[in-house]
Amino acid sequence: MAEFRLYSTVLGRMDTSDLTLTQALEAVQDQGLAWLDIAEANAEVKAFLAETVAVDELVVEDIFGEATTASLRFEDHRFFAVRARNNEVRLDTEFVHAIVKGDLLITVRHHTIPAFTTFGRRFLKSDAEDLALGIDYLLYEWLDAIADDWTPILGRFSGTLDDLEYQVFDPSKKYDNLLESLHGLKGDLREANKSIESLNTITMRSLQPGERLVGTNVKRYFTDLHQLTTAMVKRVSNYSAGAASTRDSYLSNMSMQLSESNAKLTEVMTTLTMVGAIMLPLTLIAGIFGMNNDDLPQEMFGGFWGIMGFMGLFAVVMMAYFWRKGWLNPPRL
């Protein structure tokens, strides 16, 4: 049996524990504006929408197939598909669907959507003047609840980005998992942008005169919502650019540190190479004249001190050569 909630402006939230979808539809007849929220799209729901509600087959295909952002008008009903944040631990979005027919708003979803709880509270608290605008006002409130659900999330993104920027440029401490955090923020921003852009598209289409998706009496509400979603799209774009810039700065900083480390290593290796270049010939000379052999012509070189002097002269010549080449004072980064 399908899980659903039922609201009407006359009866408030209704008990649906013993009702089928068809009975729920009958229960809200002549009870003012109504909202039927179907929480699970299954075969029963598919049959209900196709046969009882008699929606167009394109609507059924969109709900139970590959969903896309949509705003369609048919002879006696309208259909909207938009992305909203679901209630999973990891930030994620999914398509939710709305069918507007007469005084009834039917929504179909697959998971818990936090914005729907907000919309339910707004539905019960709406005053008579707003409800007098008709079902299009409920459609606006539904879309606005989805948009408002992103406001605290974007505020959190802003704070996270500020913290990551501080950590990247803080020389006093080394922070772990900076790159992973920046990649995670970029992913969350992309996911949020999917929902916000779909909202922006829906509101833009609703305001086009030729579409006739909403009544003229609620155009001002949809104009405000379109301006809000446009500002949110720009906000997400700015955060995404900031996260990319911070990531590039972090990678540049790490590359600079690696270059400095390589330069220091090169300096050490150069020093060791020069020491080896000087010591190896001296070691060879010491090894030759240190052999226990009476045939070595030591007197030819002035004996012990002559050999020592030759070795010292050789070391000085090598040092002078290295100095002229500039290898004794390598440049520092």
Protein backbone atom coordinates (compact mmCIF):
# COMPACT_ATOMS: atom_id res chain seq x y z
CA MET A 1 0.00 0.00 0.00
CA ALA A 2 1.32 3.42 -0.95
CA GLU A 3 2.49 5.80 1.75
CA PHE A 4 1.07 9.30 1.49
CA ARG A 5 0.00 12.44 3.36
CA LEU A 6 -3.15 14.45 2.74
CA TYR A 7 -3.87 18.12 3.53
CA SER A 8 -6.80 20.38 2.76
CA THR A 9 -7.48 24.02 3.61
CA VAL A 10 -10.80 23.05 5.19
CA LEU A 11 -9.87 19.89 7.13
CA GLY A 12 -6.16 20.48 7.72
CA ARG A 13 -3.97 17.39 7.83
CA MET A 14 -6.17 14.35 7.43
CA ASP A 15 -5.81 10.83 8.81
CA THR A 16 -4.89 8.55 5.91
CA SER A 17 -4.21 5.34 7.81
CA ASP A 18 -7.36 3.63 6.46
CA LEU A 19 -7.54 5.33 3.08
CA THR A 20 -6.44 4.25 -0.36
CA LEU A 21 -5.22 6.80 -2.86
CA THR A 22 -8.56 6.80 -4.63
CA GLN A 23 -10.43 7.30 -1.35
CA ALA A 24 -8.05 10.13 -0.44
CA LEU A 25 -8.87 11.83 -3.72
CA GLU A 26 -12.57 11.54 -2.99
CA ALA A 27 -12.11 12.79 0.58
CA VAL A 28 -10.79 16.19 -0.51
CA GLN A 29 -13.49 16.89 -3.08
CA ASP A 30 -15.06 20.28 -2.30
CA GLN A 31 -12.73 20.73 0.69
CA GLY A 32 -10.88 23.74 -0.67
CA LEU A 33 -7.30 23.52 -1.85
CA ALA A 34 -5.66 20.15 -1.20
CA TRP A 35 -2.20 18.59 -1.21
CA LEU A 36 -1.61 14.89 -1.70
CA ASP A 37 2.01 13.96 -0.97
CA ILE A 38 2.92 10.48 -2.22
CA ALA A 39 6.11 9.26 -0.55
CA GLU A 40 6.82 6.19 -2.68
CA ALA A 41 6.42 5.78 -6.42
CA ASN A 42 5.37 2.15 -6.99
CA ALA A 43 3.05 0.23 -9.31
CA GLU A 44 -0.03 1.23 -7.30
CA VAL A 45 0.89 4.91 -7.62
CA LYS A 46 1.54 4.50 -11.32
CA ALA A 47 -1.92 3.00 -11.87
CA PHE A 48 -3.53 5.68 -9.70
CA LEU A 49 -1.95 8.52 -11.67
CA ALA A 50 -2.63 6.99 -15.07
CA GLU A 51 -6.18 5.76 -14.46
CA THR A 52 -7.74 7.69 -11.58
CA VAL A 53 -6.06 11.08 -11.93
CA ALA A 54 -5.82 10.56 -15.70
CA VAL A 55 -2.56 12.42 -16.22
CA ASP A 56 -0.84 12.41 -19.59
CA GLU A 57 1.36 9.41 -20.34
CA LEU A 58 4.38 11.73 -20.63
CA VAL A 59 3.93 12.60 -16.97
CA VAL A 60 3.90 8.94 -15.95
CA GLU A 61 7.00 8.26 -18.04
CA ASP A 62 8.83 11.18 -16.44
CA ILE A 63 7.96 10.13 -12.89
CA PHE A 64 8.80 6.46 -13.35
CA GLY A 65 11.55 6.80 -15.94
CA GLU A 66 14.58 9.01 -16.50
CA ALA A 67 13.54 12.31 -14.94
CA THR A 68 14.55 15.73 -16.22
CA THR A 69 13.67 19.28 -15.23
CA ALA A 70 10.21 19.83 -16.70
CA SER A 71 7.29 22.25 -16.71
CA LEU A 72 4.49 21.06 -18.99
CA ARG A 73 0.92 22.16 -19.56
CA PHE A 74 -1.78 19.76 -20.69
CA GLU A 75 -5.50 20.19 -21.26
CA ASP A 76 -6.66 19.86 -17.66
CA HIS A 77 -3.44 19.60 -15.63
CA ARG A 78 0.12 20.83 -15.36
CA PHE A 79 3.29 18.96 -14.50
CA PHE A 80 6.55 20.13 -12.88
CA ALA A 81 9.74 18.21 -12.14
CA VAL A 82 12.52 19.81 -10.12
CA ARG A 83 15.47 18.68 -8.05
CA ALA A 84 15.35 18.98 -4.23
CA ARG A 85 17.67 18.07 -1.37
CA ASN A 86 16.90 14.71 0.21
CA ASN A 87 17.46 13.78 3.83
CA GLU A 88 20.50 11.53 3.40
CA VAL A 89 23.63 12.08 5.51
CA ARG A 90 25.70 12.89 2.42
CA LEU A 91 24.40 15.93 0.58
CA ASP A 92 22.42 14.69 -2.40
CA THR A 93 19.51 15.75 -4.58
CA GLU A 94 16.74 13.91 -6.37
CA PHE A 95 13.88 14.78 -8.67
CA VAL A 96 10.51 15.49 -7.11
CA HIS A 97 7.36 15.85 -9.20
CA ALA A 98 4.22 17.98 -8.87
CA ILE A 99 0.92 17.61 -10.68
CA VAL A 100 -1.54 20.50 -10.53
CA LYS A 101 -5.10 19.59 -11.40
CA GLY A 102 -8.10 21.66 -10.37
CA ASP A 103 -7.70 22.53 -6.69
CA LEU A 104 -5.37 19.60 -6.04
CA LEU A 105 -1.58 19.56 -5.81
CA ILE A 106 -0.12 16.06 -6.05
CA THR A 107 3.58 15.56 -5.29
CA VAL A 108 5.52 12.36 -5.86
CA ARG A 109 8.93 11.62 -4.32
CA HIS A 110 11.16 8.65 -3.55
CA HIS A 111 12.87 9.71 -0.30
CA THR A 112 12.34 12.07 2.62
CA ILE A 113 12.60 15.67 1.41
CA PRO A 114 13.14 18.24 4.21
CA ALA A 115 11.53 21.00 2.16
CA PHE A 116 8.23 19.08 2.12
CA THR A 117 8.02 19.29 5.91
CA THR A 118 8.47 23.05 5.64
CA PHE A 119 5.81 23.25 2.96
CA GLY A 120 3.41 21.25 5.13
CA ARG A 121 3.77 23.80 7.96
CA ARG A 122 3.27 26.68 5.53
CA PHE A 123 0.18 24.99 4.10
CA LEU A 124 -1.46 24.79 7.50
CA LYS A 125 -0.50 28.39 8.40
CA SER A 126 -1.50 30.05 5.12
CA ASP A 127 -4.06 32.82 5.59
CA ALA A 128 -7.31 33.12 3.66
CA GLU A 129 -6.07 36.02 1.52
CA ASP A 130 -3.18 33.97 0.17
CA LEU A 131 -5.28 30.84 -0.32
CA ALA A 132 -7.78 32.89 -2.28
CA LEU A 133 -5.14 33.11 -5.01
CA GLY A 134 -5.82 29.46 -5.75
CA ILE A 135 -3.76 26.35 -6.35
CA ASP A 136 -1.02 28.33 -8.10
CA TYR A 137 -0.18 29.93 -4.76
CA LEU A 138 0.38 26.47 -3.25
CA LEU A 139 2.62 25.62 -6.21
CA TYR A 140 4.63 28.77 -5.49
CA GLU A 141 4.92 27.88 -1.79
CA TRP A 142 6.07 24.38 -2.70
CA LEU A 143 8.83 25.67 -4.98
CA ASP A 144 9.75 28.40 -2.50
CA ALA A 145 10.14 25.82 0.30
CA ILE A 146 12.59 23.87 -1.88
CA ALA A 147 14.56 27.07 -2.59
CA ASP A 148 14.56 28.18 1.06
CA ASP A 149 15.88 24.77 2.08
CA TRP A 150 19.18 25.74 0.43
CA THR A 151 19.62 29.03 2.28
CA PRO A 152 21.21 27.62 5.48
CA ILE A 153 23.18 25.10 3.39
CA LEU A 154 24.73 27.89 1.32
CA GLY A 155 25.53 29.77 4.53
CA ARG A 156 27.36 26.69 5.78
CA PHE A 157 29.25 26.45 2.50
CA SER A 158 30.36 30.07 2.90
CA GLY A 159 31.71 29.40 6.40
CA THR A 160 33.45 26.21 5.27
CA LEU A 161 35.10 28.04 2.37
CA ASP A 162 36.31 30.82 4.69
CA ASP A 163 37.81 28.24 7.06
CA LEU A 164 39.57 26.39 4.25
CA GLU A 165 40.99 29.63 2.81
CA TYR A 166 42.37 30.53 6.25
CA GLN A 167 43.93 27.08 6.67
CA VAL A 168 45.56 27.20 3.23
CA PHE A 169 47.29 30.51 3.98
CA ASP A 170 48.02 29.87 7.68
CA PRO A 171 51.81 29.35 7.98
CA SER A 172 51.72 28.56 11.69
CA LYS A 173 50.08 25.15 11.44
CA LYS A 174 49.82 22.24 9.04
CA TYR A 175 46.23 21.11 8.49
CA ASP A 176 45.29 17.59 7.42
CA ASN A 177 42.99 16.64 4.51
CA LEU A 178 42.83 20.15 3.07
CA LEU A 179 42.73 18.98 -0.53
CA GLU A 180 40.07 16.37 0.25
CA SER A 181 37.96 19.01 2.02
CA LEU A 182 38.21 21.35 -0.97
CA HIS A 183 37.22 18.56 -3.36
CA GLY A 184 34.31 17.68 -1.08
CA LEU A 185 33.11 21.29 -1.01
CA LYS A 186 33.31 21.46 -4.80
CA GLY A 187 31.21 18.31 -5.06
CA ASP A 188 28.59 19.64 -2.64
CA LEU A 189 28.38 22.90 -4.58
CA ARG A 190 27.85 21.02 -7.83
CA GLU A 191 25.07 18.99 -6.23
CA ALA A 192 23.39 22.10 -4.83
CA ASN A 193 23.65 23.80 -8.19
CA LYS A 194 21.66 20.98 -9.82
CA SER A 195 18.65 21.78 -7.64
CA ILE A 196 18.98 25.56 -7.73
CA GLU A 197 19.41 25.70 -11.50
CA SER A 198 16.37 23.49 -12.01
CA LEU A 199 14.34 25.83 -9.77
CA ASN A 200 15.63 28.80 -11.74
CA THR A 201 14.62 27.14 -15.00
CA ILE A 202 11.12 26.34 -13.75
CA THR A 203 10.48 29.87 -12.49
CA MET A 204 11.82 31.38 -15.70
CA ARG A 205 9.49 29.23 -17.81
CA SER A 206 6.55 30.00 -15.54
CA LEU A 207 6.99 33.73 -16.17
CA GLN A 208 7.00 33.42 -19.96
CA PRO A 209 3.64 34.66 -21.29
CA GLY A 210 3.33 31.98 -23.96
CA GLU A 211 3.70 29.09 -21.51
CA ARG A 212 0.59 29.88 -19.39
CA LEU A 213 1.90 27.71 -16.58
CA VAL A 214 0.69 29.93 -13.72
CA GLY A 215 -2.02 32.54 -13.33
CA THR A 216 -1.36 36.24 -13.60
CA ASN A 217 -2.47 36.76 -10.00
CA VAL A 218 0.62 34.92 -8.71
CA LYS A 219 3.15 36.22 -11.26
CA ARG A 220 4.60 38.62 -8.68
CA TYR A 221 5.37 35.69 -6.36
CA PHE A 222 7.07 33.74 -9.12
CA THR A 223 9.03 36.86 -10.11
CA ASP A 224 10.37 37.14 -6.56
CA LEU A 225 11.20 33.42 -6.54
CA HIS A 226 12.99 33.72 -9.89
CA GLN A 227 15.07 36.61 -8.56
CA LEU A 228 15.91 34.55 -5.46
CA THR A 229 16.99 31.50 -7.46
CA THR A 230 19.01 33.67 -9.86
CA ALA A 231 20.86 35.19 -6.90
CA MET A 232 21.43 31.70 -5.48
CA VAL A 233 22.84 30.46 -8.81
CA LYS A 234 25.31 33.36 -8.80
CA ARG A 235 26.13 32.68 -5.15
CA VAL A 236 26.92 29.01 -5.83
CA SER A 237 28.99 30.03 -8.86
CA ASN A 238 31.01 32.46 -6.72
CA TYR A 239 31.57 29.84 -4.02
CA SER A 240 32.62 27.29 -6.64
CA ALA A 241 35.09 29.76 -8.15
CA GLY A 242 36.40 30.57 -4.66
CA ALA A 243 36.85 26.87 -3.86
CA ALA A 244 38.68 26.32 -7.16
CA SER A 245 40.93 29.33 -6.52
CA THR A 246 41.69 28.12 -2.99
CA ARG A 247 42.47 24.63 -4.29
CA ASP A 248 44.81 26.07 -6.93
CA SER A 249 46.52 28.20 -4.28
CA TYR A 250 46.96 25.14 -2.08
CA LEU A 251 48.43 23.11 -4.94
CA SER A 252 50.70 26.02 -5.89
CA ASN A 253 51.85 26.33 -2.29
CA MET A 254 52.56 22.62 -2.07
CA SER A 255 54.43 22.77 -5.38
CA MET A 256 56.53 25.65 -4.06
CA GLN A 257 57.34 23.74 -0.88
CA LEU A 258 58.29 20.69 -2.94
CA SER A 259 60.54 22.87 -5.12
CA GLU A 260 62.24 24.30 -2.04
CA SER A 261 62.74 20.82 -0.67
CA ASN A 262 64.19 19.63 -3.98
CA ALA A 263 66.48 22.67 -4.10
CA LYS A 264 67.80 21.91 -0.62
CA LEU A 265 68.32 18.27 -1.59
CA THR A 266 70.14 19.34 -4.75
CA GLU A 267 72.38 21.64 -2.67
CA VAL A 268 73.28 18.80 -0.31
CA MET A 269 73.98 16.43 -3.20
CA THR A 270 76.15 19.09 -4.90
CA THR A 271 78.17 19.54 -1.71
CA LEU A 272 78.63 15.81 -1.29
CA THR A 273 79.66 15.47 -4.94
CA MET A 274 82.31 18.20 -4.57
CA VAL A 275 83.66 16.60 -1.39
CA GLY A 276 83.82 13.26 -3.19
CA ALA A 277 85.52 14.83 -6.23
CA ILE A 278 88.25 16.19 -3.96
CA MET A 279 88.62 13.21 -1.64
CA LEU A 280 88.61 10.39 -4.18
CA PRO A 281 91.88 11.43 -5.92
CA LEU A 282 93.50 12.12 -2.55
CA THR A 283 92.38 8.72 -1.34
CA LEU A 284 93.88 7.16 -4.46
CA ILE A 285 97.22 8.91 -3.86
CA ALA A 286 97.23 7.95 -0.18
CA GLY A 287 96.39 4.38 -1.12
CA ILE A 288 99.23 4.13 -3.61
CA PHE A 289 101.93 5.63 -1.41
CA GLY A 290 100.60 3.85 1.64
CA MET A 291 101.37 0.43 0.19
CA ASN A 292 104.03 -1.61 1.99
CA ASN A 293 106.44 -1.64 -0.98
CA ASP A 294 110.10 -0.57 -1.08
CA ASP A 295 109.97 0.22 -4.81
CA LEU A 296 107.72 3.30 -4.45
CA PRO A 297 109.61 6.45 -5.55
CA GLN A 298 108.66 8.51 -2.49
CA GLU A 299 111.93 10.48 -2.57
CA MET A 300 111.09 11.58 -6.07
CA PHE A 301 108.15 13.56 -4.67
CA GLY A 302 110.00 14.92 -1.62
CA GLY A 303 109.13 12.14 0.75
CA PHE A 304 106.16 12.25 3.12
CA TRP A 305 105.84 16.03 3.29
CA GLY A 306 106.22 16.37 -0.46
CA ILE A 307 103.34 13.98 -1.02
CA MET A 308 101.25 15.80 1.59
CA GLY A 309 102.00 19.10 -0.08
CA PHE A 310 101.03 17.72 -3.48
CA MET A 311 97.76 16.44 -2.06
CA GLY A 312 97.07 19.80 -0.41
CA LEU A 313 97.87 21.64 -3.65
CA PHE A 314 95.53 19.36 -5.53
CA ALA A 315 92.74 20.06 -3.01
CA VAL A 316 93.30 23.83 -3.32
CA VAL A 317 93.25 23.66 -7.13
CA MET A 318 89.98 21.72 -7.05
CA MET A 319 88.42 24.18 -4.58
CA ALA A 320 89.50 27.10 -6.77
CA TYR A 321 87.96 25.41 -9.80
CA PHE A 322 84.66 24.84 -7.98
CA TRP A 323 84.66 28.44 -6.75
CA ARG A 324 85.17 29.82 -10.26
CA LYS A 325 82.27 27.68 -11.46
CA GLY A 326 80.08 29.11 -8.66
CA TRP A 327 79.39 25.73 -7.16
CA LEU A 328 80.59 26.61 -3.66
CA ASN A 329 77.80 29.18 -3.16
CA PRO A 330 74.70 27.79 -4.89
CA PRO A 331 71.72 30.20 -5.03
CA ARG A 332 69.05 29.71 -2.35
CA LEU A 333 65.28 29.89 -2.96
